[in-house]
Amino acid sequence: MAEGKLDGKFLLSTSDPHLSTEELALGYERLHEIERLNRDLKHSVDIRFVYHRYEDRIRAHLLLCCLALLLIRAIENDIRQRWQQLKELQSGMNRGHGHAGEGDE
C-alpha cells in the first residue's frame, strides 16, 4: 500500500545547489528532448567522429552541425512530419535518370 502512494513520483537530485525545485523538474522533463536531439545529430544529420586539432575548426564543425539540426527542425515544423518519416518517404520514391536517346546530344 505504501508503494502505491509513490506511483508517479520521482526523486531527483542535483549537484547544483542553486537550482530551484521547478528548474530541476523542468530539466528532467526536457531530458527526453535533449536525448532526441542527440539521436538526431547522430542519425539524421549523420554525424560521425571527427577529430579536429584547432579550436576554430571545432567551432566551425559544431556550428555546421547545429545549423543542419536547425534546418531539420524548421522543415519538420513546416510540414508537421518527423525527419525520419520524410527520409523514409523520400527513399521510396522512384528517381528518374536521364539518358540521351537517338538524336539527343
PDB file of N, CA and C in Angstrom:
ATOM      1  N   MET A   1       0.811  -1.197   0.000  1.00  0.00           N
ATOM      2  CA  MET A   1       0.000   0.000   0.000  1.00  0.00           C
ATOM      3  C   MET A   1       0.854   1.261   0.000  1.00  0.00           C
ATOM      4  N   ALA A   2       1.923   1.283   0.735  1.00  0.00           N
ATOM      5  CA  ALA A   2       2.784   2.464   0.785  1.00  0.00           C
ATOM      6  C   ALA A   2       3.416   2.730  -0.569  1.00  0.00           C
ATOM      7  N   GLU A   3       3.723   1.661  -1.306  1.00  0.00           N
ATOM      8  CA  GLU A   3       4.321   1.825  -2.628  1.00  0.00           C
ATOM      9  C   GLU A   3       3.355   2.481  -3.591  1.00  0.00           C
ATOM     10  N   GLY A   4       2.071   2.196  -3.453  1.00  0.00           N
ATOM     11  CA  GLY A   4       1.057   2.791  -4.314  1.00  0.00           C
ATOM     12  C   GLY A   4       0.999   4.290  -4.178  1.00  0.00           C
ATOM     13  N   LYS A   5       1.300   4.811  -2.994  1.00  0.00           N
ATOM     14  CA  LYS A   5       1.294   6.257  -2.775  1.00  0.00           C
ATOM     15  C   LYS A   5       2.445   6.948  -3.513  1.00  0.00           C
ATOM     16  N   LEU A   6       3.464   6.186  -3.867  1.00  0.00           N
ATOM     17  CA  LEU A   6       4.625   6.754  -4.542  1.00  0.00           C
ATOM     18  C   LEU A   6       4.543   6.651  -6.067  1.00  0.00           C
ATOM     19  N   ASP A   7       3.512   5.994  -6.581  1.00  0.00           N
ATOM     20  CA  ASP A   7       3.362   5.877  -8.028  1.00  0.00           C
ATOM     21  C   ASP A   7       3.302   7.262  -8.669  1.00  0.00           C
ATOM     22  N   GLY A   8       4.100   7.451  -9.695  1.00  0.00           N
ATOM     23  CA  GLY A   8       4.109   8.718 -10.409  1.00  0.00           C
ATOM     24  C   GLY A   8       4.974   9.779  -9.762  1.00  0.00           C
ATOM     25  N   LYS A   9       5.686   9.426  -8.733  1.00  0.00           N
ATOM     26  CA  LYS A   9       6.563  10.379  -8.051  1.00  0.00           C
ATOM     27  C   LYS A   9       8.014  10.014  -8.332  1.00  0.00           C
ATOM     28  N   PHE A  10       8.853  11.036  -8.437  1.00  0.00           N
ATOM     29  CA  PHE A  10      10.256  10.835  -8.752  1.00  0.00           C
ATOM     30  C   PHE A  10      11.126  11.495  -7.691  1.00  0.00           C
ATOM     31  N   LEU A  11      12.254  10.913  -7.472  1.00  0.00           N
ATOM     32  CA  LEU A  11      13.262  11.514  -6.608  1.00  0.00           C
ATOM     33  C   LEU A  11      14.361  12.033  -7.511  1.00  0.00           C
ATOM     34  N   LEU A  12      14.536  13.341  -7.524  1.00  0.00           N
ATOM     35  CA  LEU A  12      15.554  13.962  -8.365  1.00  0.00           C
ATOM     36  C   LEU A  12      16.619  14.564  -7.467  1.00  0.00           C
ATOM     37  N   SER A  13      17.856  14.415  -7.884  1.00  0.00           N
ATOM     38  CA  SER A  13      18.945  15.028  -7.136  1.00  0.00           C
ATOM     39  C   SER A  13      19.852  15.779  -8.104  1.00  0.00           C
ATOM     40  N   THR A  14      20.569  16.726  -7.581  1.00  0.00           N
ATOM     41  CA  THR A  14      21.462  17.526  -8.406  1.00  0.00           C
ATOM     42  C   THR A  14      22.693  17.914  -7.603  1.00  0.00           C
ATOM     43  N   SER A  15      23.751  18.203  -8.317  1.00  0.00           N
ATOM     44  CA  SER A  15      24.967  18.682  -7.657  1.00  0.00           C
ATOM     45  C   SER A  15      25.014  20.209  -7.644  1.00  0.00           C
ATOM     46  N   ASP A  16      24.004  20.857  -8.259  1.00  0.00           N
ATOM     47  CA  ASP A  16      23.942  22.319  -8.295  1.00  0.00           C
ATOM     48  C   ASP A  16      22.973  22.810  -7.217  1.00  0.00           C
ATOM     49  N   PRO A  17      23.477  23.340  -6.132  1.00  0.00           N
ATOM     50  CA  PRO A  17      22.590  23.763  -5.045  1.00  0.00           C
ATOM     51  C   PRO A  17      21.779  25.017  -5.372  1.00  0.00           C
ATOM     52  N   HIS A  18      22.077  25.681  -6.484  1.00  0.00           N
ATOM     53  CA  HIS A  18      21.378  26.916  -6.829  1.00  0.00           C
ATOM     54  C   HIS A  18      20.113  26.677  -7.648  1.00  0.00           C
ATOM     55  N   LEU A  19      19.885  25.435  -8.102  1.00  0.00           N
ATOM     56  CA  LEU A  19      18.689  25.146  -8.886  1.00  0.00           C
ATOM     57  C   LEU A  19      17.473  25.063  -7.977  1.00  0.00           C
ATOM     58  N   SER A  20      16.379  25.681  -8.431  1.00  0.00           N
ATOM     59  CA  SER A  20      15.125  25.559  -7.684  1.00  0.00           C
ATOM     60  C   SER A  20      14.484  24.214  -8.017  1.00  0.00           C
ATOM     61  N   THR A  21      13.502  23.841  -7.243  1.00  0.00           N
ATOM     62  CA  THR A  21      12.777  22.591  -7.489  1.00  0.00           C
ATOM     63  C   THR A  21      12.139  22.620  -8.877  1.00  0.00           C
ATOM     64  N   GLU A  22      11.571  23.766  -9.242  1.00  0.00           N
ATOM     65  CA  GLU A  22      10.922  23.897 -10.552  1.00  0.00           C
ATOM     66  C   GLU A  22      11.933  23.755 -11.687  1.00  0.00           C
ATOM     67  N   GLU A  23      13.090  24.372 -11.544  1.00  0.00           N
ATOM     68  CA  GLU A  23      14.131  24.274 -12.579  1.00  0.00           C
ATOM     69  C   GLU A  23      14.624  22.838 -12.722  1.00  0.00           C
ATOM     70  N   LEU A  24      14.778  22.158 -11.606  1.00  0.00           N
ATOM     71  CA  LEU A  24      15.234  20.771 -11.640  1.00  0.00           C
ATOM     72  C   LEU A  24      14.202  19.874 -12.319  1.00  0.00           C
ATOM     73  N   ALA A  25      12.932  20.078 -11.986  1.00  0.00           N
ATOM     74  CA  ALA A  25      11.865  19.275 -12.595  1.00  0.00           C
ATOM     75  C   ALA A  25      11.764  19.565 -14.094  1.00  0.00           C
ATOM     76  N   LEU A  26      11.876  20.844 -14.476  1.00  0.00           N
ATOM     77  CA  LEU A  26      11.816  21.205 -15.894  1.00  0.00           C
ATOM     78  C   LEU A  26      12.981  20.587 -16.656  1.00  0.00           C
ATOM     79  N   GLY A  27      14.165  20.614 -16.052  1.00  0.00           N
ATOM     80  CA  GLY A  27      15.329  19.999 -16.689  1.00  0.00           C
ATOM     81  C   GLY A  27      15.140  18.511 -16.902  1.00  0.00           C
ATOM     82  N   TYR A  28      14.537  17.848 -15.935  1.00  0.00           N
ATOM     83  CA  TYR A  28      14.283  16.409 -16.067  1.00  0.00           C
ATOM     84  C   TYR A  28      13.252  16.141 -17.162  1.00  0.00           C
ATOM     85  N   GLU A  29      12.202  16.978 -17.202  1.00  0.00           N
ATOM     86  CA  GLU A  29      11.175  16.803 -18.227  1.00  0.00           C
ATOM     87  C   GLU A  29      11.737  17.006 -19.627  1.00  0.00           C
ATOM     88  N   ARG A  30      12.696  17.891 -19.740  1.00  0.00           N
ATOM     89  CA  ARG A  30      13.281  18.178 -21.055  1.00  0.00           C
ATOM     90  C   ARG A  30      14.403  17.217 -21.422  1.00  0.00           C
ATOM     91  N   LEU A  31      14.719  16.312 -20.525  1.00  0.00           N
ATOM     92  CA  LEU A  31      15.781  15.346 -20.786  1.00  0.00           C
ATOM     93  C   LEU A  31      15.483  14.533 -22.042  1.00  0.00           C
ATOM     94  N   HIS A  32      14.233  14.116 -22.233  1.00  0.00           N
ATOM     95  CA  HIS A  32      13.886  13.343 -23.432  1.00  0.00           C
ATOM     96  C   HIS A  32      14.116  14.152 -24.702  1.00  0.00           C
ATOM     97  N   GLU A  33      13.884  15.455 -24.620  1.00  0.00           N
ATOM     98  CA  GLU A  33      14.123  16.314 -25.787  1.00  0.00           C
ATOM     99  C   GLU A  33      15.618  16.402 -26.095  1.00  0.00           C
ATOM    100  N   ILE A  34      16.423  16.504 -25.071  1.00  0.00           N
ATOM    101  CA  ILE A  34      17.878  16.547 -25.252  1.00  0.00           C
ATOM    102  C   ILE A  34      18.371  15.224 -25.841  1.00  0.00           C
ATOM    103  N   GLU A  35      17.831  14.114 -25.332  1.00  0.00           N
ATOM    104  CA  GLU A  35      18.227  12.803 -25.866  1.00  0.00           C
ATOM    105  C   GLU A  35      17.806  12.664 -27.320  1.00  0.00           C
ATOM    106  N   ARG A  36      16.634  13.192 -27.680  1.00  0.00           N
ATOM    107  CA  ARG A  36      16.175  13.141 -29.073  1.00  0.00           C
ATOM    108  C   ARG A  36      17.109  13.954 -29.971  1.00  0.00           C
ATOM    109  N   LEU A  37      17.494  15.134 -29.509  1.00  0.00           N
ATOM    110  CA  LEU A  37      18.413  15.960 -30.294  1.00  0.00           C
ATOM    111  C   LEU A  37      19.741  15.249 -30.506  1.00  0.00           C
ATOM    112  N   ASN A  38      20.219  14.590 -29.459  1.00  0.00           N
ATOM    113  CA  ASN A  38      21.471  13.843 -29.575  1.00  0.00           C
ATOM    114  C   ASN A  38      21.332  12.711 -30.586  1.00  0.00           C
ATOM    115  N   ARG A  39      20.211  11.987 -30.532  1.00  0.00           N
ATOM    116  CA  ARG A  39      19.965  10.916 -31.505  1.00  0.00           C
ATOM    117  C   ARG A  39      19.888  11.475 -32.915  1.00  0.00           C
ATOM    118  N   ASP A  40      19.186  12.600 -33.055  1.00  0.00           N
ATOM    119  CA  ASP A  40      19.057  13.214 -34.380  1.00  0.00           C
ATOM    120  C   ASP A  40      20.404  13.663 -34.926  1.00  0.00           C
ATOM    121  N   LEU A  41      21.239  14.208 -34.059  1.00  0.00           N
ATOM    122  CA  LEU A  41      22.567  14.615 -34.510  1.00  0.00           C
ATOM    123  C   LEU A  41      23.352  13.413 -35.008  1.00  0.00           C
ATOM    124  N   LYS A  42      23.187  12.286 -34.338  1.00  0.00           N
ATOM    125  CA  LYS A  42      23.924  11.087 -34.746  1.00  0.00           C
ATOM    126  C   LYS A  42      23.349  10.461 -36.006  1.00  0.00           C
ATOM    127  N   HIS A  43      22.005  10.410 -36.105  1.00  0.00           N
ATOM    128  CA  HIS A  43      21.377   9.651 -37.187  1.00  0.00           C
ATOM    129  C   HIS A  43      20.839  10.527 -38.318  1.00  0.00           C
ATOM    130  N   SER A  44      20.097  11.559 -37.995  1.00  0.00           N
ATOM    131  CA  SER A  44      19.507  12.394 -39.050  1.00  0.00           C
ATOM    132  C   SER A  44      20.558  13.226 -39.751  1.00  0.00           C
ATOM    133  N   VAL A  45      21.390  13.886 -38.976  1.00  0.00           N
ATOM    134  CA  VAL A  45      22.426  14.725 -39.557  1.00  0.00           C
ATOM    135  C   VAL A  45      23.608  13.866 -39.971  1.00  0.00           C
ATOM    136  N   ASP A  46      23.648  12.639 -39.484  1.00  0.00           N
ATOM    137  CA  ASP A  46      24.677  11.652 -39.833  1.00  0.00           C
ATOM    138  C   ASP A  46      26.069  12.111 -39.408  1.00  0.00           C
ATOM    139  N   ILE A  47      26.163  12.516 -38.153  1.00  0.00           N
ATOM    140  CA  ILE A  47      27.440  12.964 -37.607  1.00  0.00           C
ATOM    141  C   ILE A  47      28.296  11.756 -37.255  1.00  0.00           C
ATOM    142  N   ARG A  48      29.516  11.812 -37.589  1.00  0.00           N
ATOM    143  CA  ARG A  48      30.496  10.780 -37.234  1.00  0.00           C
ATOM    144  C   ARG A  48      31.605  11.446 -36.436  1.00  0.00           C
ATOM    145  N   PHE A  49      32.410  10.628 -35.800  1.00  0.00           N
ATOM    146  CA  PHE A  49      33.525  11.184 -35.049  1.00  0.00           C
ATOM    147  C   PHE A  49      34.487  11.880 -36.008  1.00  0.00           C
ATOM    148  N   VAL A  50      34.795  13.097 -35.676  1.00  0.00           N
ATOM    149  CA  VAL A  50      35.750  13.877 -36.445  1.00  0.00           C
ATOM    150  C   VAL A  50      36.710  14.484 -35.438  1.00  0.00           C
ATOM    151  N   TYR A  51      37.957  14.311 -35.665  1.00  0.00           N
ATOM    152  CA  TYR A  51      38.948  14.819 -34.732  1.00  0.00           C
ATOM    153  C   TYR A  51      39.608  16.057 -35.314  1.00  0.00           C
ATOM    154  N   HIS A  52      39.388  17.186 -34.662  1.00  0.00           N
ATOM    155  CA  HIS A  52      39.978  18.451 -35.080  1.00  0.00           C
ATOM    156  C   HIS A  52      41.058  18.837 -34.083  1.00  0.00           C
ATOM    157  N   ARG A  53      42.077  19.458 -34.558  1.00  0.00           N
ATOM    158  CA  ARG A  53      43.160  19.905 -33.684  1.00  0.00           C
ATOM    159  C   ARG A  53      43.014  21.359 -33.277  1.00  0.00           C
ATOM    160  N   TYR A  54      42.357  22.147 -34.112  1.00  0.00           N
ATOM    161  CA  TYR A  54      42.311  23.578 -33.889  1.00  0.00           C
ATOM    162  C   TYR A  54      40.928  24.028 -33.460  1.00  0.00           C
ATOM    163  N   GLU A  55      40.914  24.957 -32.513  1.00  0.00           N
ATOM    164  CA  GLU A  55      39.653  25.415 -31.936  1.00  0.00           C
ATOM    165  C   GLU A  55      38.713  26.005 -32.988  1.00  0.00           C
ATOM    166  N   ASP A  56      39.236  26.739 -33.960  1.00  0.00           N
ATOM    167  CA  ASP A  56      38.362  27.341 -34.965  1.00  0.00           C
ATOM    168  C   ASP A  56      37.677  26.273 -35.818  1.00  0.00           C
ATOM    169  N   ARG A  57      38.338  25.160 -36.060  1.00  0.00           N
ATOM    170  CA  ARG A  57      37.723  24.069 -36.822  1.00  0.00           C
ATOM    171  C   ARG A  57      36.655  23.354 -35.992  1.00  0.00           C
ATOM    172  N   ILE A  58      36.921  23.206 -34.704  1.00  0.00           N
ATOM    173  CA  ILE A  58      35.922  22.598 -33.816  1.00  0.00           C
ATOM    174  C   ILE A  58      34.667  23.472 -33.795  1.00  0.00           C
ATOM    175  N   ARG A  59      34.868  24.777 -33.639  1.00  0.00           N
ATOM    176  CA  ARG A  59      33.729  25.704 -33.606  1.00  0.00           C
ATOM    177  C   ARG A  59      32.965  25.690 -34.938  1.00  0.00           C
ATOM    178  N   ALA A  60      33.678  25.647 -36.039  1.00  0.00           N
ATOM    179  CA  ALA A  60      33.022  25.621 -37.350  1.00  0.00           C
ATOM    180  C   ALA A  60      32.225  24.331 -37.529  1.00  0.00           C
ATOM    181  N   HIS A  61      32.796  23.210 -37.127  1.00  0.00           N
ATOM    182  CA  HIS A  61      32.095  21.928 -37.239  1.00  0.00           C
ATOM    183  C   HIS A  61      30.834  21.933 -36.380  1.00  0.00           C
ATOM    184  N   LEU A  62      30.937  22.411 -35.149  1.00  0.00           N
ATOM    185  CA  LEU A  62      29.786  22.483 -34.262  1.00  0.00           C
ATOM    186  C   LEU A  62      28.711  23.403 -34.831  1.00  0.00           C
ATOM    187  N   LEU A  63      29.124  24.532 -35.381  1.00  0.00           N
ATOM    188  CA  LEU A  63      28.169  25.459 -35.980  1.00  0.00           C
ATOM    189  C   LEU A  63      27.429  24.806 -37.148  1.00  0.00           C
ATOM    190  N   LEU A  64      28.146  24.107 -38.006  1.00  0.00           N
ATOM    191  CA  LEU A  64      27.507  23.435 -39.147  1.00  0.00           C
ATOM    192  C   LEU A  64      26.526  22.361 -38.692  1.00  0.00           C
ATOM    193  N   CYS A  65      26.904  21.608 -37.672  1.00  0.00           N
ATOM    194  CA  CYS A  65      26.000  20.576 -37.135  1.00  0.00           C
ATOM    195  C   CYS A  65      24.740  21.206 -36.559  1.00  0.00           C
ATOM    196  N   CYS A  66      24.901  22.288 -35.827  1.00  0.00           N
ATOM    197  CA  CYS A  66      23.742  22.983 -35.248  1.00  0.00           C
ATOM    198  C   CYS A  66      22.862  23.579 -36.336  1.00  0.00           C
ATOM    199  N   LEU A  67      23.463  24.136 -37.371  1.00  0.00           N
ATOM    200  CA  LEU A  67      22.684  24.683 -38.483  1.00  0.00           C
ATOM    201  C   LEU A  67      21.903  23.584 -39.201  1.00  0.00           C
ATOM    202  N   ALA A  68      22.537  22.437 -39.381  1.00  0.00           N
ATOM    203  CA  ALA A  68      21.852  21.306 -40.027  1.00  0.00           C
ATOM    204  C   ALA A  68      20.660  20.860 -39.185  1.00  0.00           C
ATOM    205  N   LEU A  69      20.849  20.767 -37.878  1.00  0.00           N
ATOM    206  CA  LEU A  69      19.762  20.365 -36.997  1.00  0.00           C
ATOM    207  C   LEU A  69      18.653  21.420 -36.985  1.00  0.00           C
ATOM    208  N   LEU A  70      19.020  22.686 -37.000  1.00  0.00           N
ATOM    209  CA  LEU A  70      18.032  23.762 -37.056  1.00  0.00           C
ATOM    210  C   LEU A  70      17.221  23.686 -38.350  1.00  0.00           C
ATOM    211  N   LEU A  71      17.881  23.408 -39.454  1.00  0.00           N
ATOM    212  CA  LEU A  71      17.185  23.258 -40.735  1.00  0.00           C
ATOM    213  C   LEU A  71      16.218  22.082 -40.695  1.00  0.00           C
ATOM    214  N   ILE A  72      16.646  20.972 -40.112  1.00  0.00           N
ATOM    215  CA  ILE A  72      15.774  19.799 -39.975  1.00  0.00           C
ATOM    216  C   ILE A  72      14.546  20.161 -39.151  1.00  0.00           C
ATOM    217  N   ARG A  73      14.741  20.854 -38.022  1.00  0.00           N
ATOM    218  CA  ARG A  73      13.613  21.239 -37.165  1.00  0.00           C
ATOM    219  C   ARG A  73      12.665  22.183 -37.905  1.00  0.00           C
ATOM    220  N   ALA A  74      13.206  23.122 -38.685  1.00  0.00           N
ATOM    221  CA  ALA A  74      12.364  24.056 -39.434  1.00  0.00           C
ATOM    222  C   ALA A  74      11.515  23.300 -40.457  1.00  0.00           C
ATOM    223  N   ILE A  75      12.108  22.335 -41.133  1.00  0.00           N
ATOM    224  CA  ILE A  75      11.370  21.531 -42.114  1.00  0.00           C
ATOM    225  C   ILE A  75      10.300  20.715 -41.410  1.00  0.00           C
ATOM    226  N   GLU A  76      10.643  20.079 -40.288  1.00  0.00           N
ATOM    227  CA  GLU A  76       9.661  19.286 -39.533  1.00  0.00           C
ATOM    228  C   GLU A  76       8.485  20.151 -39.098  1.00  0.00           C
ATOM    229  N   ASN A  77       8.769  21.337 -38.587  1.00  0.00           N
ATOM    230  CA  ASN A  77       7.699  22.220 -38.113  1.00  0.00           C
ATOM    231  C   ASN A  77       6.846  22.724 -39.270  1.00  0.00           C
ATOM    232  N   ASP A  78       7.468  22.965 -40.412  1.00  0.00           N
ATOM    233  CA  ASP A  78       6.742  23.492 -41.557  1.00  0.00           C
ATOM    234  C   ASP A  78       5.770  22.472 -42.130  1.00  0.00           C
ATOM    235  N   ILE A  79       6.203  21.233 -42.255  1.00  0.00           N
ATOM    236  CA  ILE A  79       5.333  20.225 -42.877  1.00  0.00           C
ATOM    237  C   ILE A  79       4.726  19.251 -41.878  1.00  0.00           C
ATOM    238  N   ARG A  80       5.022  19.460 -40.597  1.00  0.00           N
ATOM    239  CA  ARG A  80       4.432  18.688 -39.499  1.00  0.00           C
ATOM    240  C   ARG A  80       4.649  17.184 -39.644  1.00  0.00           C
ATOM    241  N   GLN A  81       5.852  16.822 -40.001  1.00  0.00           N
ATOM    242  CA  GLN A  81       6.252  15.414 -40.044  1.00  0.00           C
ATOM    243  C   GLN A  81       7.652  15.305 -39.480  1.00  0.00           C
ATOM    244  N   ARG A  82       7.955  14.124 -38.942  1.00  0.00           N
ATOM    245  CA  ARG A  82       9.284  13.887 -38.398  1.00  0.00           C
ATOM    246  C   ARG A  82      10.268  13.665 -39.537  1.00  0.00           C
ATOM    247  N   TRP A  83      11.523  14.014 -39.309  1.00  0.00           N
ATOM    248  CA  TRP A  83      12.570  13.893 -40.309  1.00  0.00           C
ATOM    249  C   TRP A  83      12.719  12.446 -40.773  1.00  0.00           C
ATOM    250  N   GLN A  84      12.640  11.507 -39.835  1.00  0.00           N
ATOM    251  CA  GLN A  84      12.788  10.091 -40.192  1.00  0.00           C
ATOM    252  C   GLN A  84      11.682   9.662 -41.147  1.00  0.00           C
ATOM    253  N   GLN A  85      10.459  10.143 -40.908  1.00  0.00           N
ATOM    254  CA  GLN A  85       9.354   9.830 -41.814  1.00  0.00           C
ATOM    255  C   GLN A  85       9.615  10.399 -43.203  1.00  0.00           C
ATOM    256  N   LEU A  86      10.154  11.593 -43.258  1.00  0.00           N
ATOM    257  CA  LEU A  86      10.458  12.213 -44.548  1.00  0.00           C
ATOM    258  C   LEU A  86      11.546  11.445 -45.283  1.00  0.00           C
ATOM    259  N   LYS A  87      12.555  10.997 -44.541  1.00  0.00           N
ATOM    260  CA  LYS A  87      13.624  10.218 -45.169  1.00  0.00           C
ATOM    261  C   LYS A  87      13.074   8.911 -45.736  1.00  0.00           C
ATOM    262  N   GLU A  88      12.174   8.257 -44.982  1.00  0.00           N
ATOM    263  CA  GLU A  88      11.583   7.004 -45.454  1.00  0.00           C
ATOM    264  C   GLU A  88      10.709   7.239 -46.681  1.00  0.00           C
ATOM    265  N   LEU A  89       9.948   8.330 -46.667  1.00  0.00           N
ATOM    266  CA  LEU A  89       9.106   8.673 -47.813  1.00  0.00           C
ATOM    267  C   LEU A  89       9.956   8.936 -49.044  1.00  0.00           C
ATOM    268  N   GLN A  90      11.024   9.678 -48.869  1.00  0.00           N
ATOM    269  CA  GLN A  90      11.905  10.025 -49.984  1.00  0.00           C
ATOM    270  C   GLN A  90      12.611   8.784 -50.519  1.00  0.00           C
ATOM    271  N   SER A  91      12.986   7.852 -49.645  1.00  0.00           N
ATOM    272  CA  SER A  91      13.716   6.674 -50.114  1.00  0.00           C
ATOM    273  C   SER A  91      12.822   5.760 -50.947  1.00  0.00           C
ATOM    274  N   GLY A  92      11.508   5.844 -50.736  1.00  0.00           N
ATOM    275  CA  GLY A  92      10.587   5.016 -51.505  1.00  0.00           C
ATOM    276  C   GLY A  92      10.218   5.595 -52.851  1.00  0.00           C
ATOM    277  N   MET A  93      10.605   6.823 -53.106  1.00  0.00           N
ATOM    278  CA  MET A  93      10.266   7.462 -54.385  1.00  0.00           C
ATOM    279  C   MET A  93      11.146   6.924 -55.505  1.00  0.00           C
ATOM    280  N   ASN A  94      10.574   6.840 -56.669  1.00  0.00           N
ATOM    281  CA  ASN A  94      11.364   6.462 -57.841  1.00  0.00           C
ATOM    282  C   ASN A  94      12.147   7.669 -58.300  1.00  0.00           C
ATOM    283  N   ARG A  95      13.354   7.436 -58.614  1.00  0.00           N
ATOM    284  CA  ARG A  95      14.193   8.522 -59.107  1.00  0.00           C
ATOM    285  C   ARG A  95      14.401   8.322 -60.600  1.00  0.00           C
ATOM    286  N   GLY A  96      14.175   9.379 -61.342  1.00  0.00           N
ATOM    287  CA  GLY A  96      14.373   9.302 -62.781  1.00  0.00           C
ATOM    288  C   GLY A  96      15.815   9.593 -63.139  1.00  0.00           C
ATOM    289  N   HIS A  97      16.296   8.898 -64.110  1.00  0.00           N
ATOM    290  CA  HIS A  97      17.650   9.130 -64.601  1.00  0.00           C
ATOM    291  C   HIS A  97      17.537   9.479 -66.078  1.00  0.00           C
ATOM    292  N   GLY A  98      18.134  10.581 -66.435  1.00  0.00           N
ATOM    293  CA  GLY A  98      18.078  11.000 -67.828  1.00  0.00           C
ATOM    294  C   GLY A  98      19.118  10.267 -68.661  1.00  0.00           C
ATOM    295  N   HIS A  99      18.708   9.816 -69.821  1.00  0.00           N
ATOM    296  CA  HIS A  99      19.625   9.176 -70.752  1.00  0.00           C
ATOM    297  C   HIS A  99      19.442   9.826 -72.113  1.00  0.00           C
ATOM    298  N   ALA A 100      20.495  10.071 -72.772  1.00  0.00           N
ATOM    299  CA  ALA A 100      20.430  10.660 -74.115  1.00  0.00           C
ATOM    300  C   ALA A 100      19.959   9.606 -75.091  1.00  0.00           C
ATOM    301  N   GLY A 101      18.884   9.912 -75.826  1.00  0.00           N
ATOM    302  CA  GLY A 101      18.373   8.980 -76.832  1.00  0.00           C
ATOM    303  C   GLY A 101      18.962   9.288 -78.180  1.00  0.00           C
ATOM    304  N   GLU A 102      18.438   8.640 -79.203  1.00  0.00           N
ATOM    305  CA  GLU A 102      18.933   8.884 -80.553  1.00  0.00           C
ATOM    306  C   GLU A 102      18.655  10.328 -80.948  1.00  0.00           C
ATOM    307  N   GLY A 103      19.618  10.963 -81.488  1.00  0.00           N
ATOM    308  CA  GLY A 103      19.472  12.335 -81.951  1.00  0.00           C
ATOM    309  C   GLY A 103      19.682  13.369 -80.847  1.00  0.00           C
ATOM    310  N   ASP A 104      19.729  12.917 -79.585  1.00  0.00           N
ATOM    311  CA  ASP A 104      19.964  13.849 -78.477  1.00  0.00           C
ATOM    312  C   ASP A 104      21.462  14.036 -78.330  1.00  0.00           C
ATOM    313  N   GLU A 105      21.821  15.193 -77.933  1.00  0.00           N
ATOM    314  CA  GLU A 105      23.246  15.458 -77.712  1.00  0.00           C
ATOM    315  C   GLU A 105      23.475  15.937 -76.324  1.00  0.00           C
TER     316      GLU A 105
END
